């Protein structure tokens, strides 16, 4: 769960309230859900991506992260 006080989180959600953001990344595609509602989906290849998850603010804003949980999906 995260919120911002000014502009947006870098993933593009612009509400100033806490929401649950679930980002599901698979080898072929990803989904972005906000409070359980699908907001974005693609089928692009993510093969070879190996950087850690990060959360950071847009210029001039503050992001408050209440909880960040990274769970590897089973094949």
PDB file of N, CA and C in Angstrom:
ATOM      1  N   UNK A   1       0.847  -1.174   0.000  1.00  0.00           N
ATOM      2  CA  UNK A   1       0.000   0.000   0.000  1.00  0.00           C
ATOM      3  C   UNK A   1       0.891   1.236   0.000  1.00  0.00           C
ATOM      4  N   UNK A   2       0.483   2.240  -0.740  1.00  0.00           N
ATOM      5  CA  UNK A   2       1.264   3.468  -0.822  1.00  0.00           C
ATOM      6  C   UNK A   2       0.329   4.634  -1.127  1.00  0.00           C
ATOM      7  N   UNK A   3       0.797   5.849  -0.830  1.00  0.00           N
ATOM      8  CA  UNK A   3       0.051   7.053  -1.190  1.00  0.00           C
ATOM      9  C   UNK A   3       1.042   8.157  -1.490  1.00  0.00           C
ATOM     10  N   UNK A   4       0.567   9.211  -2.132  1.00  0.00           N
ATOM     11  CA  UNK A   4       1.398  10.364  -2.427  1.00  0.00           C
ATOM     12  C   UNK A   4       0.698  11.627  -1.928  1.00  0.00           C
ATOM     13  N   UNK A   5       1.481  12.635  -1.569  1.00  0.00           N
ATOM     14  CA  UNK A   5       0.887  13.872  -1.048  1.00  0.00           C
ATOM     15  C   UNK A   5       0.748  14.962  -2.096  1.00  0.00           C
ATOM     16  N   UNK A   6       1.292  14.758  -3.289  1.00  0.00           N
ATOM     17  CA  UNK A   6       1.314  15.862  -4.226  1.00  0.00           C
ATOM     18  C   UNK A   6       0.958  15.452  -5.655  1.00  0.00           C
ATOM     19  N   UNK A   7       1.810  14.739  -6.324  1.00  0.00           N
ATOM     20  CA  UNK A   7       1.563  14.467  -7.745  1.00  0.00           C
ATOM     21  C   UNK A   7       1.211  13.009  -7.982  1.00  0.00           C
ATOM     22  N   UNK A   8       2.186  12.142  -8.122  1.00  0.00           N
ATOM     23  CA  UNK A   8       1.859  10.747  -8.369  1.00  0.00           C
ATOM     24  C   UNK A   8       3.014   9.823  -8.028  1.00  0.00           C
ATOM     25  N   UNK A   9       2.725   8.567  -7.914  1.00  0.00           N
ATOM     26  CA  UNK A   9       3.747   7.536  -7.841  1.00  0.00           C
ATOM     27  C   UNK A   9       4.245   7.334  -9.263  1.00  0.00           C
ATOM     28  N   UNK A  10       5.441   6.885  -9.420  1.00  0.00           N
ATOM     29  CA  UNK A  10       5.983   6.732 -10.763  1.00  0.00           C
ATOM     30  C   UNK A  10       5.222   5.709 -11.602  1.00  0.00           C
ATOM     31  N   UNK A  11       4.413   4.891 -11.001  1.00  0.00           N
ATOM     32  CA  UNK A  11       3.604   3.984 -11.803  1.00  0.00           C
ATOM     33  C   UNK A  11       2.363   4.686 -12.324  1.00  0.00           C
ATOM     34  N   UNK A  12       2.126   5.928 -11.919  1.00  0.00           N
ATOM     35  CA  UNK A  12       1.108   6.743 -12.538  1.00  0.00           C
ATOM     36  C   UNK A  12      -0.231   6.828 -11.844  1.00  0.00           C
ATOM     37  N   UNK A  13      -0.366   6.375 -10.636  1.00  0.00           N
ATOM     38  CA  UNK A  13      -1.643   6.499  -9.933  1.00  0.00           C
ATOM     39  C   UNK A  13      -1.664   7.824  -9.195  1.00  0.00           C
ATOM     40  N   UNK A  14      -2.697   8.651  -9.366  1.00  0.00           N
ATOM     41  CA  UNK A  14      -2.664  10.032  -8.878  1.00  0.00           C
ATOM     42  C   UNK A  14      -3.691  10.336  -7.792  1.00  0.00           C
ATOM     43  N   UNK A  15      -4.007   9.407  -6.940  1.00  0.00           N
ATOM     44  CA  UNK A  15      -4.935   9.667  -5.840  1.00  0.00           C
ATOM     45  C   UNK A  15      -4.139   9.934  -4.567  1.00  0.00           C
ATOM     46  N   UNK A  16      -4.659  10.792  -3.682  1.00  0.00           N
ATOM     47  CA  UNK A  16      -3.965  11.085  -2.404  1.00  0.00           C
ATOM     48  C   UNK A  16      -4.558  10.283  -1.267  1.00  0.00           C
ATOM     49  N   UNK A  17      -4.918   9.014  -1.522  1.00  0.00           N
ATOM     50  CA  UNK A  17      -5.431   8.113  -0.503  1.00  0.00           C
ATOM     51  C   UNK A  17      -4.660   6.806  -0.624  1.00  0.00           C
ATOM     52  N   UNK A  18      -4.661   5.997   0.436  1.00  0.00           N
ATOM     53  CA  UNK A  18      -4.004   4.707   0.361  1.00  0.00           C
ATOM     54  C   UNK A  18      -4.794   3.775  -0.539  1.00  0.00           C
ATOM     55  N   UNK A  19      -4.100   3.083  -1.410  1.00  0.00           N
ATOM     56  CA  UNK A  19      -4.701   2.077  -2.278  1.00  0.00           C
ATOM     57  C   UNK A  19      -3.787   0.859  -2.301  1.00  0.00           C
ATOM     58  N   UNK A  20      -4.365  -0.289  -2.609  1.00  0.00           N
ATOM     59  CA  UNK A  20      -3.555  -1.488  -2.791  1.00  0.00           C
ATOM     60  C   UNK A  20      -3.206  -1.598  -4.264  1.00  0.00           C
ATOM     61  N   UNK A  21      -1.921  -1.628  -4.553  1.00  0.00           N
ATOM     62  CA  UNK A  21      -1.438  -1.743  -5.922  1.00  0.00           C
ATOM     63  C   UNK A  21      -0.767  -3.101  -6.052  1.00  0.00           C
ATOM     64  N   UNK A  22      -1.254  -3.899  -6.966  1.00  0.00           N
ATOM     65  CA  UNK A  22      -0.671  -5.218  -7.215  1.00  0.00           C
ATOM     66  C   UNK A  22      -0.121  -5.210  -8.631  1.00  0.00           C
ATOM     67  N   UNK A  23       1.191  -5.452  -8.726  1.00  0.00           N
ATOM     68  CA  UNK A  23       1.871  -5.462 -10.016  1.00  0.00           C
ATOM     69  C   UNK A  23       2.363  -6.875 -10.237  1.00  0.00           C
ATOM     70  N   UNK A  24       1.762  -7.571 -11.162  1.00  0.00           N
ATOM     71  CA  UNK A  24       2.098  -8.965 -11.447  1.00  0.00           C
ATOM     72  C   UNK A  24       2.936  -8.985 -12.720  1.00  0.00           C
ATOM     73  N   UNK A  25       4.192  -9.392 -12.582  1.00  0.00           N
ATOM     74  CA  UNK A  25       5.105  -9.432 -13.721  1.00  0.00           C
ATOM     75  C   UNK A  25       5.469 -10.878 -13.996  1.00  0.00           C
ATOM     76  N   UNK A  26       5.213 -11.319 -15.213  1.00  0.00           N
ATOM     77  CA  UNK A  26       5.550 -12.678 -15.648  1.00  0.00           C
ATOM     78  C   UNK A  26       6.540 -12.588 -16.803  1.00  0.00           C
ATOM     79  N   UNK A  27       7.080 -13.711 -17.227  1.00  0.00           N
ATOM     80  CA  UNK A  27       8.057 -13.676 -18.314  1.00  0.00           C
ATOM     81  C   UNK A  27       7.453 -13.116 -19.609  1.00  0.00           C
ATOM     82  N   UNK A  28       6.174 -13.351 -19.831  1.00  0.00           N
ATOM     83  CA  UNK A  28       5.491 -12.789 -20.997  1.00  0.00           C
ATOM     84  C   UNK A  28       4.274 -11.998 -20.555  1.00  0.00           C
ATOM     85  N   UNK A  29       4.498 -10.798 -20.083  1.00  0.00           N
ATOM     86  CA  UNK A  29       3.399  -9.911 -19.748  1.00  0.00           C
ATOM     87  C   UNK A  29       3.395  -9.434 -18.318  1.00  0.00           C
ATOM     88  N   UNK A  30       2.528  -8.459 -18.080  1.00  0.00           N
ATOM     89  CA  UNK A  30       2.360  -7.900 -16.738  1.00  0.00           C
ATOM     90  C   UNK A  30       0.942  -7.377 -16.583  1.00  0.00           C
ATOM     91  N   UNK A  31       0.512  -7.288 -15.337  1.00  0.00           N
ATOM     92  CA  UNK A  31      -0.794  -6.731 -14.994  1.00  0.00           C
ATOM     93  C   UNK A  31      -0.596  -5.734 -13.859  1.00  0.00           C
ATOM     94  N   UNK A  32      -1.380  -4.680 -13.869  1.00  0.00           N
ATOM     95  CA  UNK A  32      -1.386  -3.709 -12.795  1.00  0.00           C
ATOM     96  C   UNK A  32      -2.817  -3.605 -12.288  1.00  0.00           C
ATOM     97  N   UNK A  33      -3.019  -3.924 -11.012  1.00  0.00           N
ATOM     98  CA  UNK A  33      -4.349  -3.870 -10.401  1.00  0.00           C
ATOM     99  C   UNK A  33      -4.331  -2.839  -9.279  1.00  0.00           C
ATOM    100  N   UNK A  34      -5.382  -2.036  -9.184  1.00  0.00           N
ATOM    101  CA  UNK A  34      -5.542  -1.056  -8.113  1.00  0.00           C
ATOM    102  C   UNK A  34      -6.797  -1.424  -7.353  1.00  0.00           C
ATOM    103  N   UNK A  35      -6.630  -1.726  -6.074  1.00  0.00           N
ATOM    104  CA  UNK A  35      -7.739  -2.187  -5.234  1.00  0.00           C
ATOM    105  C   UNK A  35      -8.499  -3.335  -5.895  1.00  0.00           C
ATOM    106  N   UNK A  36      -7.752  -4.257  -6.512  1.00  0.00           N
ATOM    107  CA  UNK A  36      -8.331  -5.448  -7.111  1.00  0.00           C
ATOM    108  C   UNK A  36      -8.882  -5.274  -8.512  1.00  0.00           C
ATOM    109  N   UNK A  37      -8.893  -4.052  -9.039  1.00  0.00           N
ATOM    110  CA  UNK A  37      -9.435  -3.788 -10.369  1.00  0.00           C
ATOM    111  C   UNK A  37      -8.298  -3.683 -11.380  1.00  0.00           C
ATOM    112  N   UNK A  38      -8.373  -4.475 -12.454  1.00  0.00           N
ATOM    113  CA  UNK A  38      -7.357  -4.459 -13.490  1.00  0.00           C
ATOM    114  C   UNK A  38      -7.341  -3.099 -14.168  1.00  0.00           C
ATOM    115  N   UNK A  39      -6.172  -2.434 -14.147  1.00  0.00           N
ATOM    116  CA  UNK A  39      -6.046  -1.114 -14.768  1.00  0.00           C
ATOM    117  C   UNK A  39      -5.151  -1.141 -16.000  1.00  0.00           C
ATOM    118  N   UNK A  40      -4.272  -2.155 -16.085  1.00  0.00           N
ATOM    119  CA  UNK A  40      -3.347  -2.235 -17.220  1.00  0.00           C
ATOM    120  C   UNK A  40      -2.903  -3.673 -17.389  1.00  0.00           C
ATOM    121  N   UNK A  41      -2.725  -4.083 -18.654  1.00  0.00           N
ATOM    122  CA  UNK A  41      -2.216  -5.418 -18.940  1.00  0.00           C
ATOM    123  C   UNK A  41      -1.509  -5.397 -20.287  1.00  0.00           C
ATOM    124  N   UNK A  42      -0.373  -6.103 -20.390  1.00  0.00           N
ATOM    125  CA  UNK A  42       0.275  -6.289 -21.677  1.00  0.00           C
ATOM    126  C   UNK A  42       0.856  -7.692 -21.746  1.00  0.00           C
ATOM    127  N   UNK A  43       1.284  -8.072 -22.923  1.00  0.00           N
ATOM    128  CA  UNK A  43       1.851  -9.402 -23.153  1.00  0.00           C
ATOM    129  C   UNK A  43       3.285  -9.298 -23.673  1.00  0.00           C
ATOM    130  N   UNK A  44       3.979  -8.221 -23.319  1.00  0.00           N
ATOM    131  CA  UNK A  44       5.354  -8.014 -23.764  1.00  0.00           C
ATOM    132  C   UNK A  44       6.319  -8.902 -22.986  1.00  0.00           C
ATOM    133  N   UNK A  45       7.451  -9.198 -23.586  1.00  0.00           N
ATOM    134  CA  UNK A  45       8.444 -10.059 -22.954  1.00  0.00           C
ATOM    135  C   UNK A  45       9.188  -9.325 -21.843  1.00  0.00           C
ATOM    136  N   UNK A  46       9.323  -9.969 -20.709  1.00  0.00           N
ATOM    137  CA  UNK A  46      10.114  -9.464 -19.588  1.00  0.00           C
ATOM    138  C   UNK A  46      11.329 -10.342 -19.342  1.00  0.00           C
ATOM    139  N   UNK A  47      11.622 -11.236 -20.276  1.00  0.00           N
ATOM    140  CA  UNK A  47      12.753 -12.150 -20.148  1.00  0.00           C
ATOM    141  C   UNK A  47      14.039 -11.336 -20.043  1.00  0.00           C
ATOM    142  N   UNK A  48      14.851 -11.659 -19.063  1.00  0.00           N
ATOM    143  CA  UNK A  48      16.130 -10.975 -18.874  1.00  0.00           C
ATOM    144  C   UNK A  48      16.085  -9.815 -17.902  1.00  0.00           C
ATOM    145  N   UNK A  49      14.894  -9.387 -17.477  1.00  0.00           N
ATOM    146  CA  UNK A  49      14.808  -8.318 -16.482  1.00  0.00           C
ATOM    147  C   UNK A  49      15.151  -8.900 -15.117  1.00  0.00           C
ATOM    148  N   UNK A  50      16.069  -8.271 -14.409  1.00  0.00           N
ATOM    149  CA  UNK A  50      16.476  -8.831 -13.125  1.00  0.00           C
ATOM    150  C   UNK A  50      16.798  -7.773 -12.071  1.00  0.00           C
ATOM    151  N   UNK A  51      16.290  -6.580 -12.219  1.00  0.00           N
ATOM    152  CA  UNK A  51      16.510  -5.527 -11.221  1.00  0.00           C
ATOM    153  C   UNK A  51      15.472  -5.629 -10.113  1.00  0.00           C
ATOM    154  N   UNK A  52      15.826  -5.159  -8.906  1.00  0.00           N
ATOM    155  CA  UNK A  52      14.863  -5.219  -7.800  1.00  0.00           C
ATOM    156  C   UNK A  52      13.733  -4.204  -7.970  1.00  0.00           C
ATOM    157  N   UNK A  53      12.634  -4.455  -7.282  1.00  0.00           N
ATOM    158  CA  UNK A  53      11.500  -3.539  -7.270  1.00  0.00           C
ATOM    159  C   UNK A  53      11.895  -2.292  -6.486  1.00  0.00           C
ATOM    160  N   UNK A  54      11.469  -1.125  -6.964  1.00  0.00           N
ATOM    161  CA  UNK A  54      11.731   0.114  -6.234  1.00  0.00           C
ATOM    162  C   UNK A  54      10.514   1.019  -6.330  1.00  0.00           C
ATOM    163  N   UNK A  55      10.355   1.895  -5.350  1.00  0.00           N
ATOM    164  CA  UNK A  55       9.275   2.884  -5.314  1.00  0.00           C
ATOM    165  C   UNK A  55       9.935   4.229  -5.069  1.00  0.00           C
ATOM    166  N   UNK A  56       9.617   5.218  -5.912  1.00  0.00           N
ATOM    167  CA  UNK A  56      10.216   6.539  -5.749  1.00  0.00           C
ATOM    168  C   UNK A  56       9.244   7.601  -6.238  1.00  0.00           C
ATOM    169  N   UNK A  57       9.350   8.838  -5.732  1.00  0.00           N
ATOM    170  CA  UNK A  57       8.371   9.881  -6.037  1.00  0.00           C
ATOM    171  C   UNK A  57       8.659  10.612  -7.337  1.00  0.00           C
ATOM    172  N   UNK A  58       7.638  11.298  -7.833  1.00  0.00           N
ATOM    173  CA  UNK A  58       7.819  12.246  -8.926  1.00  0.00           C
ATOM    174  C   UNK A  58       8.481  13.493  -8.336  1.00  0.00           C
ATOM    175  N   UNK A  59       8.975  14.364  -9.180  1.00  0.00           N
ATOM    176  CA  UNK A  59       9.690  15.562  -8.734  1.00  0.00           C
ATOM    177  C   UNK A  59       8.824  16.407  -7.815  1.00  0.00           C
ATOM    178  N   UNK A  60       9.323  16.688  -6.625  1.00  0.00           N
ATOM    179  CA  UNK A  60       8.639  17.560  -5.684  1.00  0.00           C
ATOM    180  C   UNK A  60       7.583  16.914  -4.815  1.00  0.00           C
ATOM    181  N   UNK A  61       7.318  15.630  -4.984  1.00  0.00           N
ATOM    182  CA  UNK A  61       6.293  14.987  -4.167  1.00  0.00           C
ATOM    183  C   UNK A  61       6.920  14.076  -3.126  1.00  0.00           C
ATOM    184  N   UNK A  62       6.096  13.627  -2.209  1.00  0.00           N
ATOM    185  CA  UNK A  62       6.512  12.685  -1.183  1.00  0.00           C
ATOM    186  C   UNK A  62       5.647  11.447  -1.302  1.00  0.00           C
ATOM    187  N   UNK A  63       6.271  10.289  -1.323  1.00  0.00           N
ATOM    188  CA  UNK A  63       5.541   9.032  -1.378  1.00  0.00           C
ATOM    189  C   UNK A  63       5.648   8.364  -0.011  1.00  0.00           C
ATOM    190  N   UNK A  64       4.526   7.957   0.527  1.00  0.00           N
ATOM    191  CA  UNK A  64       4.484   7.234   1.794  1.00  0.00           C
ATOM    192  C   UNK A  64       4.126   5.788   1.504  1.00  0.00           C
ATOM    193  N   UNK A  65       5.033   4.880   1.793  1.00  0.00           N
ATOM    194  CA  UNK A  65       4.797   3.458   1.563  1.00  0.00           C
ATOM    195  C   UNK A  65       4.443   2.814   2.887  1.00  0.00           C
ATOM    196  N   UNK A  66       3.275   2.265   2.956  1.00  0.00           N
ATOM    197  CA  UNK A  66       2.811   1.600   4.167  1.00  0.00           C
ATOM    198  C   UNK A  66       3.319   0.166   4.212  1.00  0.00           C
ATOM    199  N   UNK A  67       3.369  -0.481   3.051  1.00  0.00           N
ATOM    200  CA  UNK A  67       3.802  -1.868   2.991  1.00  0.00           C
ATOM    201  C   UNK A  67       4.262  -2.172   1.569  1.00  0.00           C
ATOM    202  N   UNK A  68       5.388  -2.864   1.429  1.00  0.00           N
ATOM    203  CA  UNK A  68       5.875  -3.327   0.141  1.00  0.00           C
ATOM    204  C   UNK A  68       6.240  -4.790   0.297  1.00  0.00           C
ATOM    205  N   UNK A  69       5.588  -5.619  -0.481  1.00  0.00           N
ATOM    206  CA  UNK A  69       5.824  -7.060  -0.391  1.00  0.00           C
ATOM    207  C   UNK A  69       6.103  -7.590  -1.795  1.00  0.00           C
ATOM    208  N   UNK A  70       7.216  -8.289  -1.943  1.00  0.00           N
ATOM    209  CA  UNK A  70       7.575  -8.879  -3.223  1.00  0.00           C
ATOM    210  C   UNK A  70       7.508 -10.390  -3.058  1.00  0.00           C
ATOM    211  N   UNK A  71       6.670 -11.026  -3.872  1.00  0.00           N
ATOM    212  CA  UNK A  71       6.469 -12.465  -3.781  1.00  0.00           C
ATOM    213  C   UNK A  71       6.738 -13.103  -5.128  1.00  0.00           C
ATOM    214  N   UNK A  72       7.761 -13.941  -5.246  1.00  0.00           N
ATOM    215  CA  UNK A  72       7.997 -14.623  -6.526  1.00  0.00           C
ATOM    216  C   UNK A  72       6.834 -15.565  -6.834  1.00  0.00           C
ATOM    217  N   UNK A  73       6.397 -15.574  -8.093  1.00  0.00           N
ATOM    218  CA  UNK A  73       5.331 -16.460  -8.507  1.00  0.00           C
ATOM    219  C   UNK A  73       5.892 -17.845  -8.809  1.00  0.00           C
ATOM    220  N   UNK A  74       5.106 -18.849  -8.527  1.00  0.00           N
ATOM    221  CA  UNK A  74       5.530 -20.216  -8.844  1.00  0.00           C
ATOM    222  C   UNK A  74       5.398 -20.429 -10.341  1.00  0.00           C
ATOM    223  N   UNK A  75       6.322 -21.189 -10.948  1.00  0.00           N
ATOM    224  CA  UNK A  75       6.251 -21.407 -12.415  1.00  0.00           C
ATOM    225  C   UNK A  75       4.994 -22.165 -12.816  1.00  0.00           C
TER     226      UNK A  75
END
